Every structure is written in C-alpha cells, then in structure tokens.
Amino acid sequence: LRAAPRFTHGVLGLFATGYALAGDLDEARALLASMDSLSALIEFEP
C-alpha cells in the first residue's frame, strides 16, 4: 500500500463503501478524504 497508490486508492474506496453501507458515513467520508489527498499528492489513474 505504500508502493502502489492506485491499489491503495481502491482499497480505501472499498472500505469507504463498506462503512457507508453500514451507516457509518463519518468514517466513509474520512476515508474518502484520505483518497482525495492521495490523488492530489501522486499522479495516477484511479
């Protein structure tokens, strides 16, 4: 996860989906914010 940003992005998105489906929208938003930060720091195709 420290070497593959695209995969990291997908993993965080999967867990964000899980939390959102389970009703924990705050945790889902926090994970989405982490994904946005990753996208801003490193150029890759999510």
ModelCIF file with pLDDT and N, C-alpha, C, O atoms, coordinates in Angstrom:
data_MODEL
#
_entry.id   MODEL 
#
_entity.id                         1 
_entity.type                       polymer 
_entity.pdbx_number_of_molecules   1 
#
_entity_poly.entity_id                      1 
_entity_poly.type                           'polypeptide(L)' 
_entity_poly.nstd_linkage                   no 
_entity_poly.nstd_monomer                   no 
_entity_poly.pdbx_seq_one_letter_code       LRAAPRFTHGVLGLFATGYALAGDLDEARALLASMDSLSALIEFEP 
_entity_poly.pdbx_seq_one_letter_code_can   LRAAPRFTHGVLGLFATGYALAGDLDEARALLASMDSLSALIEFEP 
_entity_poly.pdbx_strand_id                 A 
#
loop_
_entity_poly_seq.entity_id 
_entity_poly_seq.num 
_entity_poly_seq.mon_id 
_entity_poly_seq.hetero 
1 1  LEU n 
1 2  ARG n 
1 3  ALA n 
1 4  ALA n 
1 5  PRO n 
1 6  ARG n 
1 7  PHE n 
1 8  THR n 
1 9  HIS n 
1 10 GLY n 
1 11 VAL n 
1 12 LEU n 
1 13 GLY n 
1 14 LEU n 
1 15 PHE n 
1 16 ALA n 
1 17 THR n 
1 18 GLY n 
1 19 TYR n 
1 20 ALA n 
1 21 LEU n 
1 22 ALA n 
1 23 GLY n 
1 24 ASP n 
1 25 LEU n 
1 26 ASP n 
1 27 GLU n 
1 28 ALA n 
1 29 ARG n 
1 30 ALA n 
1 31 LEU n 
1 32 LEU n 
1 33 ALA n 
1 34 SER n 
1 35 MET n 
1 36 ASP n 
1 37 SER n 
1 38 LEU n 
1 39 SER n 
1 40 ALA n 
1 41 LEU n 
1 42 ILE n 
1 43 GLU n 
1 44 PHE n 
1 45 GLU n 
1 46 PRO n 
#
_struct_asym.id          A 
_struct_asym.entity_id   1 
#
loop_
_ma_qa_metric.id 
_ma_qa_metric.mode 
_ma_qa_metric.name 
_ma_qa_metric.software_group_id 
_ma_qa_metric.type 
1 global pLDDT . pLDDT 
2 local  pLDDT . pLDDT 
#
_ma_qa_metric_global.metric_id      1 
_ma_qa_metric_global.metric_value   86.72 
_ma_qa_metric_global.model_id       1 
_ma_qa_metric_global.ordinal_id     1 
#
loop_
_ma_qa_metric_local.label_asym_id 
_ma_qa_metric_local.label_comp_id 
_ma_qa_metric_local.label_seq_id 
_ma_qa_metric_local.metric_id 
_ma_qa_metric_local.metric_value 
_ma_qa_metric_local.model_id 
_ma_qa_metric_local.ordinal_id 
A LEU 1  2 62.00 1 1  
A ARG 2  2 64.00 1 2  
A ALA 3  2 66.00 1 3  
A ALA 4  2 77.00 1 4  
A PRO 5  2 79.00 1 5  
A ARG 6  2 79.00 1 6  
A PHE 7  2 82.00 1 7  
A THR 8  2 85.00 1 8  
A HIS 9  2 86.00 1 9  
A GLY 10 2 86.00 1 10 
A VAL 11 2 88.00 1 11 
A LEU 12 2 91.00 1 12 
A GLY 13 2 91.00 1 13 
A LEU 14 2 92.00 1 14 
A PHE 15 2 95.00 1 15 
A ALA 16 2 95.00 1 16 
A THR 17 2 95.00 1 17 
A GLY 18 2 95.00 1 18 
A TYR 19 2 96.00 1 19 
A ALA 20 2 95.00 1 20 
A LEU 21 2 94.00 1 21 
A ALA 22 2 93.00 1 22 
A GLY 23 2 93.00 1 23 
A ASP 24 2 95.00 1 24 
A LEU 25 2 96.00 1 25 
A ASP 26 2 97.00 1 26 
A GLU 27 2 96.00 1 27 
A ALA 28 2 96.00 1 28 
A ARG 29 2 97.00 1 29 
A ALA 30 2 96.00 1 30 
A LEU 31 2 95.00 1 31 
A LEU 32 2 95.00 1 32 
A ALA 33 2 94.00 1 33 
A SER 34 2 91.00 1 34 
A MET 35 2 90.00 1 35 
A ASP 36 2 89.00 1 36 
A SER 37 2 88.00 1 37 
A LEU 38 2 84.00 1 38 
A SER 39 2 80.00 1 39 
A ALA 40 2 79.00 1 40 
A LEU 41 2 78.00 1 41 
A ILE 42 2 76.00 1 42 
A GLU 43 2 76.00 1 43 
A PHE 44 2 73.00 1 44 
A GLU 45 2 73.00 1 45 
A PRO 46 2 76.00 1 46 
#
loop_
_atom_site.group_PDB 
_atom_site.id 
_atom_site.type_symbol 
_atom_site.label_atom_id 
_atom_site.label_alt_id 
_atom_site.label_comp_id 
_atom_site.label_asym_id 
_atom_site.label_entity_id 
_atom_site.label_seq_id 
_atom_site.pdbx_PDB_ins_code 
_atom_site.Cartn_x 
_atom_site.Cartn_y 
_atom_site.Cartn_z 
_atom_site.occupancy 
_atom_site.B_iso_or_equiv 
_atom_site.pdbx_formal_charge 
_atom_site.auth_seq_id 
_atom_site.auth_comp_id 
_atom_site.auth_asym_id 
_atom_site.auth_atom_id 
_atom_site.pdbx_PDB_model_num 
ATOM 1   N N  . LEU A 1 1  ? 0.815   -1.204 0.000   1.00 62.00 ? 1  LEU A N  1 
ATOM 2   C CA . LEU A 1 1  ? 0.000   0.000  0.000   1.00 62.00 ? 1  LEU A CA 1 
ATOM 3   C C  . LEU A 1 1  ? 0.854   1.262  0.000   1.00 62.00 ? 1  LEU A C  1 
ATOM 4   O O  . LEU A 1 1  ? 0.374   2.338  -0.355  1.00 62.00 ? 1  LEU A O  1 
ATOM 5   N N  . ARG A 1 2  ? 2.113   1.133  0.396   1.00 64.00 ? 2  ARG A N  1 
ATOM 6   C CA . ARG A 1 2  ? 2.999   2.286  0.347   1.00 64.00 ? 2  ARG A CA 1 
ATOM 7   C C  . ARG A 1 2  ? 3.698   2.396  -1.010  1.00 64.00 ? 2  ARG A C  1 
ATOM 8   O O  . ARG A 1 2  ? 4.317   3.413  -1.324  1.00 64.00 ? 2  ARG A O  1 
ATOM 9   N N  . ALA A 1 3  ? 3.586   1.330  -1.807  1.00 66.00 ? 3  ALA A N  1 
ATOM 10  C CA . ALA A 1 3  ? 4.288   1.319  -3.098  1.00 66.00 ? 3  ALA A CA 1 
ATOM 11  C C  . ALA A 1 3  ? 3.341   1.369  -4.295  1.00 66.00 ? 3  ALA A C  1 
ATOM 12  O O  . ALA A 1 3  ? 3.786   1.597  -5.420  1.00 66.00 ? 3  ALA A O  1 
ATOM 13  N N  . ALA A 1 4  ? 2.056   1.162  -4.073  1.00 77.00 ? 4  ALA A N  1 
ATOM 14  C CA . ALA A 1 4  ? 1.100   1.094  -5.184  1.00 77.00 ? 4  ALA A CA 1 
ATOM 15  C C  . ALA A 1 4  ? -0.077  2.022  -4.908  1.00 77.00 ? 4  ALA A C  1 
ATOM 16  O O  . ALA A 1 4  ? -1.087  1.585  -4.356  1.00 77.00 ? 4  ALA A O  1 
ATOM 17  N N  . PRO A 1 5  ? 0.035   3.294  -5.282  1.00 79.00 ? 5  PRO A N  1 
ATOM 18  C CA . PRO A 1 5  ? -1.012  4.261  -4.938  1.00 79.00 ? 5  PRO A CA 1 
ATOM 19  C C  . PRO A 1 5  ? -2.366  3.929  -5.540  1.00 79.00 ? 5  PRO A C  1 
ATOM 20  O O  . PRO A 1 5  ? -3.392  4.150  -4.897  1.00 79.00 ? 5  PRO A O  1 
ATOM 21  N N  . ARG A 1 6  ? -2.395  3.406  -6.756  1.00 79.00 ? 6  ARG A N  1 
ATOM 22  C CA . ARG A 1 6  ? -3.683  3.099  -7.365  1.00 79.00 ? 6  ARG A CA 1 
ATOM 23  C C  . ARG A 1 6  ? -4.391  2.003  -6.580  1.00 79.00 ? 6  ARG A C  1 
ATOM 24  O O  . ARG A 1 6  ? -5.596  2.090  -6.343  1.00 79.00 ? 6  ARG A O  1 
ATOM 25  N N  . PHE A 1 7  ? -3.655  0.975  -6.175  1.00 82.00 ? 7  PHE A N  1 
ATOM 26  C CA . PHE A 1 7  ? -4.244  -0.102 -5.392  1.00 82.00 ? 7  PHE A CA 1 
ATOM 27  C C  . PHE A 1 7  ? -4.684  0.411  -4.024  1.00 82.00 ? 7  PHE A C  1 
ATOM 28  O O  . PHE A 1 7  ? -5.758  0.056  -3.538  1.00 82.00 ? 7  PHE A O  1 
ATOM 29  N N  . THR A 1 8  ? -3.848  1.249  -3.405  1.00 85.00 ? 8  THR A N  1 
ATOM 30  C CA . THR A 1 8  ? -4.204  1.848  -2.119  1.00 85.00 ? 8  THR A CA 1 
ATOM 31  C C  . THR A 1 8  ? -5.509  2.618  -2.230  1.00 85.00 ? 8  THR A C  1 
ATOM 32  O O  . THR A 1 8  ? -6.377  2.520  -1.363  1.00 85.00 ? 8  THR A O  1 
ATOM 33  N N  . HIS A 1 9  ? -5.636  3.384  -3.303  1.00 86.00 ? 9  HIS A N  1 
ATOM 34  C CA . HIS A 1 9  ? -6.841  4.172  -3.549  1.00 86.00 ? 9  HIS A CA 1 
ATOM 35  C C  . HIS A 1 9  ? -8.064  3.254  -3.622  1.00 86.00 ? 9  HIS A C  1 
ATOM 36  O O  . HIS A 1 9  ? -9.105  3.550  -3.036  1.00 86.00 ? 9  HIS A O  1 
ATOM 37  N N  . GLY A 1 10 ? -7.931  2.144  -4.342  1.00 86.00 ? 10 GLY A N  1 
ATOM 38  C CA . GLY A 1 10 ? -9.044  1.200  -4.469  1.00 86.00 ? 10 GLY A CA 1 
ATOM 39  C C  . GLY A 1 10 ? -9.404  0.549  -3.157  1.00 86.00 ? 10 GLY A C  1 
ATOM 40  O O  . GLY A 1 10 ? -10.583 0.381  -2.847  1.00 86.00 ? 10 GLY A O  1 
ATOM 41  N N  . VAL A 1 11 ? -8.385  0.173  -2.367  1.00 88.00 ? 11 VAL A N  1 
ATOM 42  C CA . VAL A 1 11 ? -8.628  -0.451 -1.065  1.00 88.00 ? 11 VAL A CA 1 
ATOM 43  C C  . VAL A 1 11 ? -9.394  0.496  -0.148  1.00 88.00 ? 11 VAL A C  1 
ATOM 44  O O  . VAL A 1 11 ? -10.376 0.104  0.482   1.00 88.00 ? 11 VAL A O  1 
ATOM 45  N N  . LEU A 1 12 ? -8.939  1.739  -0.078  1.00 91.00 ? 12 LEU A N  1 
ATOM 46  C CA . LEU A 1 12 ? -9.621  2.715  0.771   1.00 91.00 ? 12 LEU A CA 1 
ATOM 47  C C  . LEU A 1 12 ? -11.062 2.933  0.302   1.00 91.00 ? 12 LEU A C  1 
ATOM 48  O O  . LEU A 1 12 ? -11.970 3.117  1.113   1.00 91.00 ? 12 LEU A O  1 
ATOM 49  N N  . GLY A 1 13 ? -11.253 2.910  -1.011  1.00 91.00 ? 13 GLY A N  1 
ATOM 50  C CA . GLY A 1 13 ? -12.605 3.069  -1.549  1.00 91.00 ? 13 GLY A CA 1 
ATOM 51  C C  . GLY A 1 13 ? -13.511 1.907  -1.202  1.00 91.00 ? 13 GLY A C  1 
ATOM 52  O O  . GLY A 1 13 ? -14.695 2.095  -0.921  1.00 91.00 ? 13 GLY A O  1 
ATOM 53  N N  . LEU A 1 14 ? -12.952 0.698  -1.221  1.00 92.00 ? 14 LEU A N  1 
ATOM 54  C CA . LEU A 1 14 ? -13.736 -0.475 -0.837  1.00 92.00 ? 14 LEU A CA 1 
ATOM 55  C C  . LEU A 1 14 ? -14.190 -0.368 0.612   1.00 92.00 ? 14 LEU A C  1 
ATOM 56  O O  . LEU A 1 14 ? -15.353 -0.625 0.922   1.00 92.00 ? 14 LEU A O  1 
ATOM 57  N N  . PHE A 1 15 ? -13.273 0.011  1.499   1.00 95.00 ? 15 PHE A N  1 
ATOM 58  C CA . PHE A 1 15 ? -13.645 0.132  2.907   1.00 95.00 ? 15 PHE A CA 1 
ATOM 59  C C  . PHE A 1 15 ? -14.600 1.313  3.115   1.00 95.00 ? 15 PHE A C  1 
ATOM 60  O O  . PHE A 1 15 ? -15.499 1.236  3.952   1.00 95.00 ? 15 PHE A O  1 
ATOM 61  N N  . ALA A 1 16 ? -14.415 2.392  2.371   1.00 95.00 ? 16 ALA A N  1 
ATOM 62  C CA . ALA A 1 16 ? -15.356 3.512  2.465   1.00 95.00 ? 16 ALA A CA 1 
ATOM 63  C C  . ALA A 1 16 ? -16.759 3.059  2.075   1.00 95.00 ? 16 ALA A C  1 
ATOM 64  O O  . ALA A 1 16 ? -17.743 3.454  2.700   1.00 95.00 ? 16 ALA A O  1 
ATOM 65  N N  . THR A 1 17 ? -16.843 2.232  1.045   1.00 95.00 ? 17 THR A N  1 
ATOM 66  C CA . THR A 1 17 ? -18.136 1.683  0.636   1.00 95.00 ? 17 THR A CA 1 
ATOM 67  C C  . THR A 1 17 ? -18.741 0.836  1.753   1.00 95.00 ? 17 THR A C  1 
ATOM 68  O O  . THR A 1 17 ? -19.925 0.960  2.066   1.00 95.00 ? 17 THR A O  1 
ATOM 69  N N  . GLY A 1 18 ? -17.912 -0.031 2.353   1.00 95.00 ? 18 GLY A N  1 
ATOM 70  C CA . GLY A 1 18 ? -18.400 -0.872 3.436   1.00 95.00 ? 18 GLY A CA 1 
ATOM 71  C C  . GLY A 1 18 ? -18.936 -0.067 4.599   1.00 95.00 ? 18 GLY A C  1 
ATOM 72  O O  . GLY A 1 18 ? -20.009 -0.364 5.124   1.00 95.00 ? 18 GLY A O  1 
ATOM 73  N N  . TYR A 1 19 ? -18.192 0.956  5.008   1.00 96.00 ? 19 TYR A N  1 
ATOM 74  C CA . TYR A 1 19 ? -18.636 1.802  6.118   1.00 96.00 ? 19 TYR A CA 1 
ATOM 75  C C  . TYR A 1 19 ? -19.908 2.572  5.746   1.00 96.00 ? 19 TYR A C  1 
ATOM 76  O O  . TYR A 1 19 ? -20.808 2.723  6.572   1.00 96.00 ? 19 TYR A O  1 
ATOM 77  N N  . ALA A 1 20 ? -19.978 3.054  4.511   1.00 95.00 ? 20 ALA A N  1 
ATOM 78  C CA . ALA A 1 20 ? -21.159 3.811  4.093   1.00 95.00 ? 20 ALA A CA 1 
ATOM 79  C C  . ALA A 1 20 ? -22.396 2.920  4.074   1.00 95.00 ? 20 ALA A C  1 
ATOM 80  O O  . ALA A 1 20 ? -23.464 3.329  4.530   1.00 95.00 ? 20 ALA A O  1 
ATOM 81  N N  . LEU A 1 21 ? -22.256 1.702  3.547   1.00 94.00 ? 21 LEU A N  1 
ATOM 82  C CA . LEU A 1 21 ? -23.381 0.775  3.534   1.00 94.00 ? 21 LEU A CA 1 
ATOM 83  C C  . LEU A 1 21 ? -23.841 0.439  4.949   1.00 94.00 ? 21 LEU A C  1 
ATOM 84  O O  . LEU A 1 21 ? -25.032 0.256  5.201   1.00 94.00 ? 21 LEU A O  1 
ATOM 85  N N  . ALA A 1 22 ? -22.871 0.360  5.878   1.00 93.00 ? 22 ALA A N  1 
ATOM 86  C CA . ALA A 1 22 ? -23.187 0.025  7.270   1.00 93.00 ? 22 ALA A CA 1 
ATOM 87  C C  . ALA A 1 22 ? -23.730 1.218  8.048   1.00 93.00 ? 22 ALA A C  1 
ATOM 88  O O  . ALA A 1 22 ? -24.088 1.084  9.218   1.00 93.00 ? 22 ALA A O  1 
ATOM 89  N N  . GLY A 1 23 ? -23.793 2.379  7.410   1.00 93.00 ? 23 GLY A N  1 
ATOM 90  C CA . GLY A 1 23 ? -24.369 3.538  8.061   1.00 93.00 ? 23 GLY A CA 1 
ATOM 91  C C  . GLY A 1 23 ? -23.385 4.452  8.763   1.00 93.00 ? 23 GLY A C  1 
ATOM 92  O O  . GLY A 1 23 ? -23.785 5.473  9.322   1.00 93.00 ? 23 GLY A O  1 
ATOM 93  N N  . ASP A 1 24 ? -22.093 4.104  8.747   1.00 95.00 ? 24 ASP A N  1 
ATOM 94  C CA . ASP A 1 24 ? -21.081 4.963  9.377   1.00 95.00 ? 24 ASP A CA 1 
ATOM 95  C C  . ASP A 1 24 ? -20.563 5.937  8.319   1.00 95.00 ? 24 ASP A C  1 
ATOM 96  O O  . ASP A 1 24 ? -19.481 5.749  7.764   1.00 95.00 ? 24 ASP A O  1 
ATOM 97  N N  . LEU A 1 25 ? -21.340 6.965  8.052   1.00 96.00 ? 25 LEU A N  1 
ATOM 98  C CA . LEU A 1 25 ? -20.994 7.901  6.984   1.00 96.00 ? 25 LEU A CA 1 
ATOM 99  C C  . LEU A 1 25 ? -19.787 8.755  7.344   1.00 96.00 ? 25 LEU A C  1 
ATOM 100 O O  . LEU A 1 25 ? -19.042 9.174  6.459   1.00 96.00 ? 25 LEU A O  1 
ATOM 101 N N  . ASP A 1 26 ? -19.583 9.018  8.633   1.00 97.00 ? 26 ASP A N  1 
ATOM 102 C CA . ASP A 1 26 ? -18.421 9.826  9.038   1.00 97.00 ? 26 ASP A CA 1 
ATOM 103 C C  . ASP A 1 26 ? -17.119 9.110  8.686   1.00 97.00 ? 26 ASP A C  1 
ATOM 104 O O  . ASP A 1 26 ? -16.197 9.726  8.151   1.00 97.00 ? 26 ASP A O  1 
ATOM 105 N N  . GLU A 1 27 ? -17.042 7.821  8.983   1.00 96.00 ? 27 GLU A N  1 
ATOM 106 C CA . GLU A 1 27 ? -15.827 7.065  8.653   1.00 96.00 ? 27 GLU A CA 1 
ATOM 107 C C  . GLU A 1 27 ? -15.657 6.961  7.142   1.00 96.00 ? 27 GLU A C  1 
ATOM 108 O O  . GLU A 1 27 ? -14.541 7.042  6.629   1.00 96.00 ? 27 GLU A O  1 
ATOM 109 N N  . ALA A 1 28 ? -16.760 6.784  6.441   1.00 96.00 ? 28 ALA A N  1 
ATOM 110 C CA . ALA A 1 28 ? -16.692 6.726  4.975   1.00 96.00 ? 28 ALA A CA 1 
ATOM 111 C C  . ALA A 1 28 ? -16.139 8.036  4.411   1.00 96.00 ? 28 ALA A C  1 
ATOM 112 O O  . ALA A 1 28 ? -15.292 8.019  3.518   1.00 96.00 ? 28 ALA A O  1 
ATOM 113 N N  . ARG A 1 29 ? -16.615 9.162  4.929   1.00 97.00 ? 29 ARG A N  1 
ATOM 114 C CA . ARG A 1 29 ? -16.122 10.461 4.451   1.00 97.00 ? 29 ARG A CA 1 
ATOM 115 C C  . ARG A 1 29 ? -14.640 10.648 4.791   1.00 97.00 ? 29 ARG A C  1 
ATOM 116 O O  . ARG A 1 29 ? -13.886 11.205 3.994   1.00 97.00 ? 29 ARG A O  1 
ATOM 117 N N  . ALA A 1 30 ? -14.226 10.186 5.968   1.00 96.00 ? 30 ALA A N  1 
ATOM 118 C CA . ALA A 1 30 ? -12.821 10.312 6.351   1.00 96.00 ? 30 ALA A CA 1 
ATOM 119 C C  . ALA A 1 30 ? -11.931 9.526  5.389   1.00 96.00 ? 30 ALA A C  1 
ATOM 120 O O  . ALA A 1 30 ? -10.866 10.000 4.993   1.00 96.00 ? 30 ALA A O  1 
ATOM 121 N N  . LEU A 1 31 ? -12.369 8.330  5.018   1.00 95.00 ? 31 LEU A N  1 
ATOM 122 C CA . LEU A 1 31 ? -11.595 7.529  4.076   1.00 95.00 ? 31 LEU A CA 1 
ATOM 123 C C  . LEU A 1 31 ? -11.574 8.184  2.697   1.00 95.00 ? 31 LEU A C  1 
ATOM 124 O O  . LEU A 1 31 ? -10.548 8.164  2.016   1.00 95.00 ? 31 LEU A O  1 
ATOM 125 N N  . LEU A 1 32 ? -12.686 8.758  2.288   1.00 95.00 ? 32 LEU A N  1 
ATOM 126 C CA . LEU A 1 32 ? -12.727 9.449  1.002   1.00 95.00 ? 32 LEU A CA 1 
ATOM 127 C C  . LEU A 1 32 ? -11.800 10.659 0.999   1.00 95.00 ? 32 LEU A C  1 
ATOM 128 O O  . LEU A 1 32 ? -11.181 10.965 -0.020  1.00 95.00 ? 32 LEU A O  1 
ATOM 129 N N  . ALA A 1 33 ? -11.702 11.348 2.133   1.00 94.00 ? 33 ALA A N  1 
ATOM 130 C CA . ALA A 1 33 ? -10.775 12.474 2.229   1.00 94.00 ? 33 ALA A CA 1 
ATOM 131 C C  . ALA A 1 33 ? -9.333  12.001 2.087   1.00 94.00 ? 33 ALA A C  1 
ATOM 132 O O  . ALA A 1 33 ? -8.521  12.675 1.455   1.00 94.00 ? 33 ALA A O  1 
ATOM 133 N N  . SER A 1 34 ? -9.006  10.843 2.671   1.00 91.00 ? 34 SER A N  1 
ATOM 134 C CA . SER A 1 34 ? -7.661  10.274 2.524   1.00 91.00 ? 34 SER A CA 1 
ATOM 135 C C  . SER A 1 34 ? -7.375  9.941  1.061   1.00 91.00 ? 34 SER A C  1 
ATOM 136 O O  . SER A 1 34 ? -6.263  10.143 0.573   1.00 91.00 ? 34 SER A O  1 
ATOM 137 N N  . MET A 1 35 ? -8.401  9.425  0.367   1.00 90.00 ? 35 MET A N  1 
ATOM 138 C CA . MET A 1 35 ? -8.236  9.106  -1.044  1.00 90.00 ? 35 MET A CA 1 
ATOM 139 C C  . MET A 1 35 ? -7.986  10.369 -1.866  1.00 90.00 ? 35 MET A C  1 
ATOM 140 O O  . MET A 1 35 ? -7.152  10.372 -2.771  1.00 90.00 ? 35 MET A O  1 
ATOM 141 N N  . ASP A 1 36 ? -8.709  11.432 -1.547  1.00 89.00 ? 36 ASP A N  1 
ATOM 142 C CA . ASP A 1 36 ? -8.503  12.687 -2.271  1.00 89.00 ? 36 ASP A CA 1 
ATOM 143 C C  . ASP A 1 36 ? -7.093  13.234 -2.046  1.00 89.00 ? 36 ASP A C  1 
ATOM 144 O O  . ASP A 1 36 ? -6.467  13.763 -2.964  1.00 89.00 ? 36 ASP A O  1 
ATOM 145 N N  . SER A 1 37 ? -6.605  13.100 -0.813  1.00 88.00 ? 37 SER A N  1 
ATOM 146 C CA . SER A 1 37 ? -5.246  13.566 -0.509  1.00 88.00 ? 37 SER A CA 1 
ATOM 147 C C  . SER A 1 37 ? -4.215  12.772 -1.297  1.00 88.00 ? 37 SER A C  1 
ATOM 148 O O  . SER A 1 37 ? -3.246  13.328 -1.814  1.00 88.00 ? 37 SER A O  1 
ATOM 149 N N  . LEU A 1 38 ? -4.437  11.450 -1.383  1.00 84.00 ? 38 LEU A N  1 
ATOM 150 C CA . LEU A 1 38 ? -3.521  10.602 -2.141  1.00 84.00 ? 38 LEU A CA 1 
ATOM 151 C C  . LEU A 1 38 ? -3.509  10.999 -3.608  1.00 84.00 ? 38 LEU A C  1 
ATOM 152 O O  . LEU A 1 38 ? -2.447  11.068 -4.227  1.00 84.00 ? 38 LEU A O  1 
ATOM 153 N N  . SER A 1 39 ? -4.687  11.259 -4.167  1.00 80.00 ? 39 SER A N  1 
ATOM 154 C CA . SER A 1 39 ? -4.781  11.651 -5.573  1.00 80.00 ? 39 SER A CA 1 
ATOM 155 C C  . SER A 1 39 ? -4.077  12.983 -5.824  1.00 80.00 ? 39 SER A C  1 
ATOM 156 O O  . SER A 1 39 ? -3.488  13.188 -6.886  1.00 80.00 ? 39 SER A O  1 
ATOM 157 N N  . ALA A 1 40 ? -4.139  13.881 -4.853  1.00 79.00 ? 40 ALA A N  1 
ATOM 158 C CA . ALA A 1 40 ? -3.508  15.193 -5.019  1.00 79.00 ? 40 ALA A CA 1 
ATOM 159 C C  . ALA A 1 40 ? -1.991  15.110 -4.945  1.00 79.00 ? 40 ALA A C  1 
ATOM 160 O O  . ALA A 1 40 ? -1.295  15.920 -5.558  1.00 79.00 ? 40 ALA A O  1 
ATOM 161 N N  . LEU A 1 41 ? -1.466  14.126 -4.192  1.00 78.00 ? 41 LEU A N  1 
ATOM 162 C CA . LEU A 1 41 ? -0.023  14.020 -3.991  1.00 78.00 ? 41 LEU A CA 1 
ATOM 163 C C  . LEU A 1 41 ? 0.680   13.255 -5.105  1.00 78.00 ? 41 LEU A C  1 
ATOM 164 O O  . LEU A 1 41 ? 1.805   13.584 -5.482  1.00 78.00 ? 41 LEU A O  1 
ATOM 165 N N  . ILE A 1 42 ? 0.006   12.232 -5.630  1.00 76.00 ? 42 ILE A N  1 
ATOM 166 C CA . ILE A 1 42 ? 0.652   11.334 -6.592  1.00 76.00 ? 42 ILE A CA 1 
ATOM 167 C C  . ILE A 1 42 ? -0.241  11.218 -7.823  1.00 76.00 ? 42 ILE A C  1 
ATOM 168 O O  . ILE A 1 42 ? -1.452  11.036 -7.701  1.00 76.00 ? 42 ILE A O  1 
ATOM 169 N N  . GLU A 1 43 ? 0.350   11.322 -8.994  1.00 76.00 ? 43 GLU A N  1 
ATOM 170 C CA . GLU A 1 43 ? -0.421  11.226 -10.226 1.00 76.00 ? 43 GLU A CA 1 
ATOM 171 C C  . GLU A 1 43 ? -0.609  9.764  -10.609 1.00 76.00 ? 43 GLU A C  1 
ATOM 172 O O  . GLU A 1 43 ? 0.362   9.035  -10.809 1.00 76.00 ? 43 GLU A O  1 
ATOM 173 N N  . PHE A 1 44 ? -1.858  9.346  -10.709 1.00 73.00 ? 44 PHE A N  1 
ATOM 174 C CA . PHE A 1 44 ? -2.188  8.002  -11.172 1.00 73.00 ? 44 PHE A CA 1 
ATOM 175 C C  . PHE A 1 44 ? -3.632  8.013  -11.652 1.00 73.00 ? 44 PHE A C  1 
ATOM 176 O O  . PHE A 1 44 ? -4.371  8.964  -11.397 1.00 73.00 ? 44 PHE A O  1 
ATOM 177 N N  . GLU A 1 45 ? -4.029  6.960  -12.342 1.00 73.00 ? 45 GLU A N  1 
ATOM 178 C CA . GLU A 1 45 ? -5.387  6.852  -12.867 1.00 73.00 ? 45 GLU A CA 1 
ATOM 179 C C  . GLU A 1 45 ? -6.215  6.015  -11.912 1.00 73.00 ? 45 GLU A C  1 
ATOM 180 O O  . GLU A 1 45 ? -6.052  4.795  -11.889 1.00 73.00 ? 45 GLU A O  1 
ATOM 181 N N  . PRO A 1 46 ? -7.112  6.623  -11.108 1.00 76.00 ? 46 PRO A N  1 
ATOM 182 C CA . PRO A 1 46 ? -7.877  5.856  -10.133 1.00 76.00 ? 46 PRO A CA 1 
ATOM 183 C C  . PRO A 1 46 ? -8.977  5.034  -10.799 1.00 76.00 ? 46 PRO A C  1 
ATOM 184 O O  . PRO A 1 46 ? -9.719  4.327  -10.117 1.00 76.00 ? 46 PRO A O  1 
#
